[in-house]
Amino acid sequence: MNTTATTTHFDVKQIGQRVQAASEPFRTLTEHMHRVIVGQDELIHGMLLGLLSNGHILIEGVPGLAKTTAVSCLANGINTGFQRIQFTPDLLPADLVGTLVYQPSDSQFVVKKGPIFSNIILADEINRAPAKVQSALLEAMQERQVTIGKETFPLHDPFLVLATQNPIEQEGTYPLPEAQVDRFMLKLLVTYPNRQQEREILERMSRTRATHSISAVMDPSSISQAREVVDEIYMDAKIKEYIVDLVFATREPGATKHTQHVVGLIQFGASPRATINLSIAAKANAFLDGRGYVTPQDVKDVAMLVLRHRVILTYEAEAEEKNSDQVVKMILDHLPVP
């Protein structure tokens, strides 16, 4: 028993040393991004979590909050390709993934790849495009490949989709179905800066040529190596049980006395995909903190990002003017932490 404990302690210490070394470029990247982006800590941290976890991100926020700038900085910082795709009602799937183009010179069809063939994809206002375009994007996200004609093409690695939604303008939009929203690993809410941050934005950006670029601090191979380290981060059995308890609390809140207060508020709980995403995101959070092991706080730090778009509320909850963030917070506040 003691030998096993000693071995585990040694392994965690060894992993911790690897994490410290591998995570240093990500801390540098965060510092560089903050030279351009004022505030927006959750947005920047969330994007790095998605990058390390190989999971896509849904970003909700009003226009003008530096979402595009942040994504562009991320692509520059890891020296990868970046494509911004403006979703509109007349967009077609072929405009996204590509199509076959006929060449009269040799009477053959050739493949013309679409903008999806890049590393960092900003799908701007995804809910403005019709369902068939959304489905084409979500299929590419899930399969990480695209079929054009009879040929199948793998997408680049790393491949990260950051899709934005505007919460205040719903006219002429096609809201994402809940089943498709579940494909996104994280949902980030981007809010207005505070007064001090607003003043700093004024000082930095009130010029005709404000700089929005940063220098690269790593390359795509560094991302792959970092993900391997993330997979090795130690997670205790009690932490795993806590993750399962959180997910089941969204499905069966009446099964334990700790979550009785949310009974009747949740129509549909989180899927098994949420369990997987919680585990990976918690490891990525520990990685960014330079640790080789996951703590309960890591789970709590990422739980809202993973669960808020997966918990579907009842009409009763909406009548009480509750939102999914409030319900998830109620579960986090009352569920015992290991």
Protein backbone atom coordinates (compact mmCIF):
# COMPACT_ATOMS: atom_id res chain seq x y z
CA MET A 1 0.00 0.00 0.00
CA ASN A 2 2.79 2.39 0.98
CA THR A 3 4.80 1.39 -2.09
CA THR A 4 1.87 2.25 -4.36
CA ALA A 5 1.38 5.60 -2.63
CA THR A 6 5.09 6.39 -2.98
CA THR A 7 5.06 5.43 -6.65
CA THR A 8 1.97 7.58 -7.30
CA HIS A 9 3.56 10.53 -5.48
CA PHE A 10 6.72 10.12 -7.56
CA ASP A 11 4.72 9.92 -10.81
CA VAL A 12 2.73 13.06 -9.94
CA LYS A 13 5.93 14.91 -9.08
CA GLN A 14 7.50 13.80 -12.36
CA ILE A 15 4.41 14.83 -14.33
CA GLY A 16 4.40 18.15 -12.48
CA GLN A 17 7.90 18.89 -13.71
CA ARG A 18 6.88 18.14 -17.29
CA VAL A 19 3.79 20.31 -16.90
CA GLN A 20 5.84 23.23 -15.59
CA ALA A 21 8.11 23.11 -18.62
CA ALA A 22 5.37 22.50 -21.21
CA SER A 23 2.97 25.13 -19.84
CA GLU A 24 5.47 28.00 -19.76
CA PRO A 25 4.88 29.00 -23.43
CA PHE A 26 1.12 29.18 -22.73
CA ARG A 27 1.69 31.60 -19.86
CA THR A 28 3.88 33.66 -22.18
CA LEU A 29 1.15 33.56 -24.84
CA THR A 30 -1.41 34.78 -22.29
CA GLU A 31 0.86 37.70 -21.38
CA HIS A 32 1.34 38.62 -25.05
CA MET A 33 -2.40 38.48 -25.74
CA HIS A 34 -3.06 40.79 -22.79
CA ARG A 35 -0.78 43.35 -24.41
CA VAL A 36 -3.45 43.68 -27.09
CA ILE A 37 -6.62 42.57 -25.29
CA VAL A 38 -7.68 44.53 -22.23
CA GLY A 39 -9.35 42.31 -19.63
CA GLN A 40 -11.39 39.40 -21.06
CA ASP A 41 -9.54 36.94 -18.83
CA GLU A 42 -12.22 34.26 -19.14
CA LEU A 43 -12.25 34.52 -22.94
CA ILE A 44 -8.47 34.14 -23.26
CA HIS A 45 -8.30 31.38 -20.64
CA GLY A 46 -11.25 29.58 -22.26
CA MET A 47 -9.65 29.68 -25.70
CA LEU A 48 -6.46 28.12 -24.31
CA LEU A 49 -8.53 25.44 -22.54
CA GLY A 50 -10.23 24.60 -25.85
CA LEU A 51 -6.91 24.54 -27.68
CA LEU A 52 -5.32 22.20 -25.13
CA SER A 53 -8.44 20.00 -24.89
CA ASN A 54 -8.92 19.77 -28.66
CA GLY A 55 -12.47 21.06 -28.17
CA HIS A 56 -14.48 23.74 -29.96
CA ILE A 57 -15.90 26.84 -28.32
CA LEU A 58 -19.17 28.76 -28.56
CA ILE A 59 -18.76 32.45 -27.66
CA GLU A 60 -21.74 34.63 -26.82
CA GLY A 61 -21.40 38.38 -26.55
CA VAL A 62 -22.49 41.65 -28.07
CA PRO A 63 -20.44 43.16 -30.93
CA GLY A 64 -17.33 45.18 -30.18
CA LEU A 65 -15.90 43.14 -27.30
CA ALA A 66 -12.67 42.07 -29.10
CA LYS A 67 -13.76 38.51 -29.91
CA THR A 68 -12.28 38.61 -33.43
CA THR A 69 -9.13 40.36 -32.19
CA ALA A 70 -8.61 37.75 -29.48
CA VAL A 71 -8.98 34.85 -31.92
CA SER A 72 -6.61 36.53 -34.39
CA CYS A 73 -4.04 37.04 -31.62
CA LEU A 74 -4.33 33.38 -30.64
CA ALA A 75 -3.61 32.29 -34.23
CA ASN A 76 -0.63 34.65 -34.45
CA GLY A 77 0.70 33.48 -31.09
CA ILE A 78 0.85 29.82 -32.12
CA ASN A 79 1.88 30.56 -35.72
CA THR A 80 -1.09 28.86 -37.38
CA GLY A 81 -3.61 29.68 -40.08
CA PHE A 82 -6.66 31.79 -39.26
CA GLN A 83 -9.91 32.18 -41.17
CA ARG A 84 -12.80 34.42 -40.24
CA ILE A 85 -16.07 33.31 -41.86
CA GLN A 86 -19.01 35.68 -41.66
CA PHE A 87 -22.17 33.59 -41.51
CA THR A 88 -25.08 35.09 -43.44
CA PRO A 89 -28.57 33.84 -44.44
CA ASP A 90 -27.46 33.25 -48.06
CA LEU A 91 -24.34 31.23 -47.14
CA LEU A 92 -24.14 27.74 -48.67
CA PRO A 93 -22.31 24.65 -47.35
CA ALA A 94 -20.02 24.81 -50.39
CA ASP A 95 -18.96 28.32 -49.35
CA LEU A 96 -17.68 26.79 -46.14
CA VAL A 97 -16.20 23.38 -47.02
CA GLY A 98 -15.52 23.77 -50.75
CA THR A 99 -16.88 22.26 -53.93
CA LEU A 100 -16.06 20.65 -57.29
CA VAL A 101 -15.25 23.11 -60.07
CA TYR A 102 -15.45 22.11 -63.72
CA GLN A 103 -12.41 22.88 -65.86
CA PRO A 104 -13.31 23.08 -69.57
CA SER A 105 -9.65 22.80 -70.63
CA ASP A 106 -9.38 19.13 -69.65
CA SER A 107 -13.10 18.38 -69.13
CA GLN A 108 -12.58 17.42 -65.48
CA PHE A 109 -13.87 18.46 -62.10
CA VAL A 110 -11.26 19.65 -59.62
CA VAL A 111 -11.63 20.21 -55.89
CA LYS A 112 -11.67 23.77 -54.64
CA LYS A 113 -11.24 23.74 -50.87
CA GLY A 114 -13.18 26.16 -48.72
CA PRO A 115 -12.04 28.35 -45.80
CA ILE A 116 -12.69 25.53 -43.32
CA PHE A 117 -9.25 24.20 -44.30
CA SER A 118 -7.31 26.22 -41.77
CA ASN A 119 -6.30 25.88 -38.12
CA ILE A 120 -8.22 28.53 -36.19
CA ILE A 121 -11.72 29.16 -37.56
CA LEU A 122 -13.84 32.08 -36.36
CA ALA A 123 -17.43 31.31 -37.34
CA ASP A 124 -18.85 34.78 -36.83
CA GLU A 125 -22.56 34.92 -35.94
CA ILE A 126 -23.12 31.23 -36.59
CA ASN A 127 -26.85 31.57 -35.89
CA ARG A 128 -27.30 33.82 -38.95
CA ALA A 129 -26.75 30.94 -41.36
CA PRO A 130 -29.43 28.33 -42.18
CA ALA A 131 -29.40 24.87 -40.61
CA LYS A 132 -27.67 23.11 -43.53
CA VAL A 133 -24.65 25.41 -43.22
CA GLN A 134 -24.53 24.97 -39.46
CA SER A 135 -24.69 21.20 -39.97
CA ALA A 136 -21.80 21.30 -42.45
CA LEU A 137 -19.66 23.15 -39.91
CA LEU A 138 -20.64 20.90 -37.02
CA GLU A 139 -19.94 17.77 -39.09
CA ALA A 140 -16.45 19.07 -39.86
CA MET A 141 -15.96 19.81 -36.16
CA GLN A 142 -17.04 16.31 -35.13
CA GLU A 143 -15.37 14.23 -37.84
CA ARG A 144 -12.39 16.56 -38.39
CA GLN A 145 -12.64 15.78 -42.07
CA VAL A 146 -14.61 17.02 -45.08
CA THR A 147 -15.97 15.07 -48.05
CA ILE A 148 -16.09 16.91 -51.37
CA GLY A 149 -17.44 14.82 -54.23
CA LYS A 150 -15.97 11.35 -53.79
CA GLU A 151 -12.88 12.46 -51.90
CA THR A 152 -12.44 12.85 -48.16
CA PHE A 153 -9.91 15.36 -46.86
CA PRO A 154 -8.62 15.48 -43.26
CA LEU A 155 -8.64 18.92 -41.66
CA HIS A 156 -5.50 20.55 -40.37
CA ASP A 157 -4.12 19.99 -36.89
CA PRO A 158 -4.62 21.87 -34.67
CA PHE A 159 -8.20 22.58 -35.72
CA LEU A 160 -10.25 24.81 -33.45
CA VAL A 161 -13.63 26.36 -34.22
CA LEU A 162 -14.72 29.41 -32.25
CA ALA A 163 -18.31 30.25 -33.13
CA THR A 164 -19.89 33.51 -31.99
CA GLN A 165 -23.52 34.34 -31.26
CA ASN A 166 -25.07 37.76 -30.74
CA PRO A 167 -27.49 37.53 -27.77
CA ILE A 168 -29.32 40.81 -28.40
CA GLU A 169 -30.32 40.60 -32.04
CA GLN A 170 -32.47 37.58 -32.87
CA GLU A 171 -34.31 38.82 -35.96
CA GLY A 172 -33.26 36.85 -39.04
CA THR A 173 -31.38 34.20 -37.07
CA TYR A 174 -31.50 30.41 -37.04
CA PRO A 175 -30.81 29.37 -33.42
CA LEU A 176 -28.62 26.30 -32.98
CA PRO A 177 -30.58 23.22 -31.87
CA GLU A 178 -29.61 21.93 -28.42
CA ALA A 179 -28.23 18.69 -29.91
CA GLN A 180 -25.84 20.72 -32.06
CA VAL A 181 -24.87 23.07 -29.26
CA ASP A 182 -23.74 19.98 -27.32
CA ARG A 183 -20.97 19.53 -29.91
CA PHE A 184 -19.21 22.58 -28.47
CA MET A 185 -16.95 21.71 -25.58
CA LEU A 186 -17.21 25.12 -23.90
CA LYS A 187 -19.53 28.08 -23.96
CA LEU A 188 -17.98 31.42 -23.03
CA LEU A 189 -19.94 34.55 -22.18
CA VAL A 190 -18.09 37.74 -23.08
CA THR A 191 -19.19 40.75 -21.04
CA TYR A 192 -18.53 44.48 -21.11
CA PRO A 193 -15.25 45.71 -19.57
CA ASN A 194 -15.35 47.59 -16.27
CA ARG A 195 -14.71 51.33 -16.05
CA GLN A 196 -10.95 50.99 -15.47
CA GLN A 197 -10.58 48.55 -18.38
CA GLU A 198 -12.65 50.85 -20.60
CA ARG A 199 -10.23 53.70 -19.86
CA GLU A 200 -7.27 51.47 -20.71
CA ILE A 201 -8.96 50.49 -24.00
CA LEU A 202 -9.33 54.19 -24.79
CA GLU A 203 -5.62 54.80 -24.12
CA ARG A 204 -4.44 51.83 -26.19
CA MET A 205 -6.84 51.80 -29.10
CA SER A 206 -7.82 55.42 -29.79
CA ARG A 207 -5.60 55.76 -32.83
CA THR A 208 -6.05 55.27 -36.53
CA ARG A 209 -3.60 52.34 -36.65
CA ALA A 210 -4.02 50.34 -33.47
CA THR A 211 -1.89 47.19 -33.49
CA HIS A 212 -3.75 43.87 -33.18
CA SER A 213 -0.89 41.45 -33.80
CA ILE A 214 1.53 39.62 -31.53
CA SER A 215 4.64 37.58 -32.25
CA ALA A 216 4.53 33.77 -32.27
CA VAL A 217 5.64 32.08 -29.06
CA MET A 218 5.06 28.47 -30.16
CA ASP A 219 4.23 26.35 -33.21
CA PRO A 220 1.61 23.65 -33.92
CA SER A 221 3.96 20.86 -32.83
CA SER A 222 4.10 22.47 -29.38
CA ILE A 223 0.31 22.13 -29.16
CA SER A 224 0.47 18.39 -29.89
CA GLN A 225 3.20 17.89 -27.28
CA ALA A 226 1.26 19.91 -24.71
CA ARG A 227 -1.87 17.79 -25.29
CA GLU A 228 0.14 14.64 -24.60
CA VAL A 229 1.23 16.13 -21.28
CA VAL A 230 -2.37 17.12 -20.46
CA ASP A 231 -3.47 13.51 -20.96
CA GLU A 232 -0.88 12.36 -18.39
CA ILE A 233 -2.03 14.73 -15.62
CA TYR A 234 -3.11 12.76 -12.56
CA MET A 235 -6.77 12.69 -11.54
CA ASP A 236 -7.73 11.00 -8.29
CA ALA A 237 -10.67 8.59 -8.17
CA LYS A 238 -12.53 10.99 -5.83
CA ILE A 239 -12.27 13.76 -8.43
CA LYS A 240 -13.68 11.41 -11.07
CA GLU A 241 -16.59 10.59 -8.77
CA TYR A 242 -17.17 14.30 -8.22
CA ILE A 243 -17.36 14.89 -11.98
CA VAL A 244 -19.90 12.08 -12.37
CA ASP A 245 -21.89 13.44 -9.41
CA LEU A 246 -22.02 16.88 -11.07
CA VAL A 247 -23.31 15.51 -14.35
CA PHE A 248 -25.86 13.24 -12.67
CA ALA A 249 -27.06 16.15 -10.55
CA THR A 250 -28.21 17.81 -13.79
CA ARG A 251 -30.08 14.66 -14.83
CA GLU A 252 -31.46 13.36 -11.54
CA PRO A 253 -31.40 16.29 -9.08
CA GLY A 254 -33.85 14.50 -6.78
CA ALA A 255 -31.52 11.52 -6.29
CA THR A 256 -29.56 13.25 -3.51
CA LYS A 257 -30.58 15.60 -0.71
CA HIS A 258 -27.87 18.07 -1.79
CA THR A 259 -29.61 18.98 -5.05
CA GLN A 260 -33.27 18.87 -4.02
CA HIS A 261 -33.50 22.64 -4.53
CA VAL A 262 -33.14 22.31 -8.33
CA VAL A 263 -35.83 19.64 -8.72
CA GLY A 264 -38.35 20.80 -11.31
CA LEU A 265 -35.95 23.35 -12.84
CA ILE A 266 -34.12 21.08 -15.31
CA GLN A 267 -35.85 19.51 -18.31
CA PHE A 268 -32.78 17.84 -19.84
CA GLY A 269 -29.43 17.34 -18.14
CA ALA A 270 -25.91 17.10 -19.49
CA SER A 271 -24.89 14.28 -21.84
CA PRO A 272 -21.96 11.85 -21.37
CA ARG A 273 -20.02 14.20 -23.63
CA ALA A 274 -20.15 16.67 -20.73
CA THR A 275 -18.50 14.12 -18.43
CA ILE A 276 -15.65 13.64 -20.89
CA ASN A 277 -15.29 17.38 -21.48
CA LEU A 278 -15.27 18.14 -17.74
CA SER A 279 -12.45 15.67 -17.20
CA ILE A 280 -10.30 16.96 -20.07
CA ALA A 281 -10.97 20.63 -19.33
CA ALA A 282 -10.10 20.15 -15.64
CA LYS A 283 -6.77 18.60 -16.67
CA ALA A 284 -6.14 21.48 -19.08
CA ASN A 285 -6.93 23.94 -16.28
CA ALA A 286 -4.38 22.23 -14.02
CA PHE A 287 -1.88 22.33 -16.90
CA LEU A 288 -2.27 26.09 -17.34
CA ASP A 289 -1.75 26.44 -13.59
CA GLY A 290 1.48 24.45 -13.86
CA ARG A 291 0.30 21.43 -11.84
CA GLY A 292 0.55 17.73 -12.60
CA TYR A 293 -2.63 16.82 -10.74
CA VAL A 294 -6.30 17.89 -10.79
CA THR A 295 -7.95 19.49 -7.76
CA PRO A 296 -11.71 19.88 -7.09
CA GLN A 297 -11.26 23.60 -7.77
CA ASP A 298 -10.12 22.79 -11.30
CA VAL A 299 -13.43 21.01 -11.87
CA LYS A 300 -15.39 23.90 -10.38
CA ASP A 301 -13.44 26.41 -12.49
CA VAL A 302 -14.45 24.74 -15.77
CA ALA A 303 -17.85 23.32 -14.78
CA MET A 304 -19.82 26.43 -15.75
CA LEU A 305 -18.12 26.63 -19.15
CA VAL A 306 -18.85 22.95 -19.87
CA LEU A 307 -22.38 22.70 -18.45
CA ARG A 308 -24.14 26.04 -19.06
CA HIS A 309 -25.15 25.20 -22.66
CA ARG A 310 -26.02 21.58 -21.89
CA VAL A 311 -28.56 22.15 -19.13
CA ILE A 312 -32.01 22.76 -20.62
CA LEU A 313 -34.42 24.38 -18.18
CA THR A 314 -38.13 23.73 -17.69
CA TYR A 315 -40.87 26.28 -18.32
CA GLU A 316 -41.20 26.60 -14.55
CA ALA A 317 -37.57 27.70 -14.25
CA GLU A 318 -38.04 30.23 -17.03
CA ALA A 319 -41.20 31.50 -15.33
CA GLU A 320 -39.09 32.07 -12.22
CA GLU A 321 -36.65 34.00 -14.46
CA LYS A 322 -33.81 31.59 -13.80
CA ASN A 323 -31.13 30.85 -16.37
CA SER A 324 -28.84 27.84 -16.78
CA ASP A 325 -25.89 29.64 -15.16
CA GLN A 326 -27.89 30.16 -11.97
CA VAL A 327 -29.03 26.53 -11.86
CA VAL A 328 -25.51 25.17 -12.46
CA LYS A 329 -24.18 27.49 -9.74
CA MET A 330 -26.81 26.18 -7.32
CA ILE A 331 -25.60 22.63 -7.97
CA LEU A 332 -21.93 23.63 -7.58
CA ASP A 333 -22.65 25.47 -4.33
CA HIS A 334 -24.53 22.60 -2.67
CA LEU A 335 -22.89 19.42 -4.01
CA PRO A 336 -20.23 18.13 -1.55
CA VAL A 337 -16.67 18.61 -2.74
CA PRO A 338 -14.18 15.75 -2.15
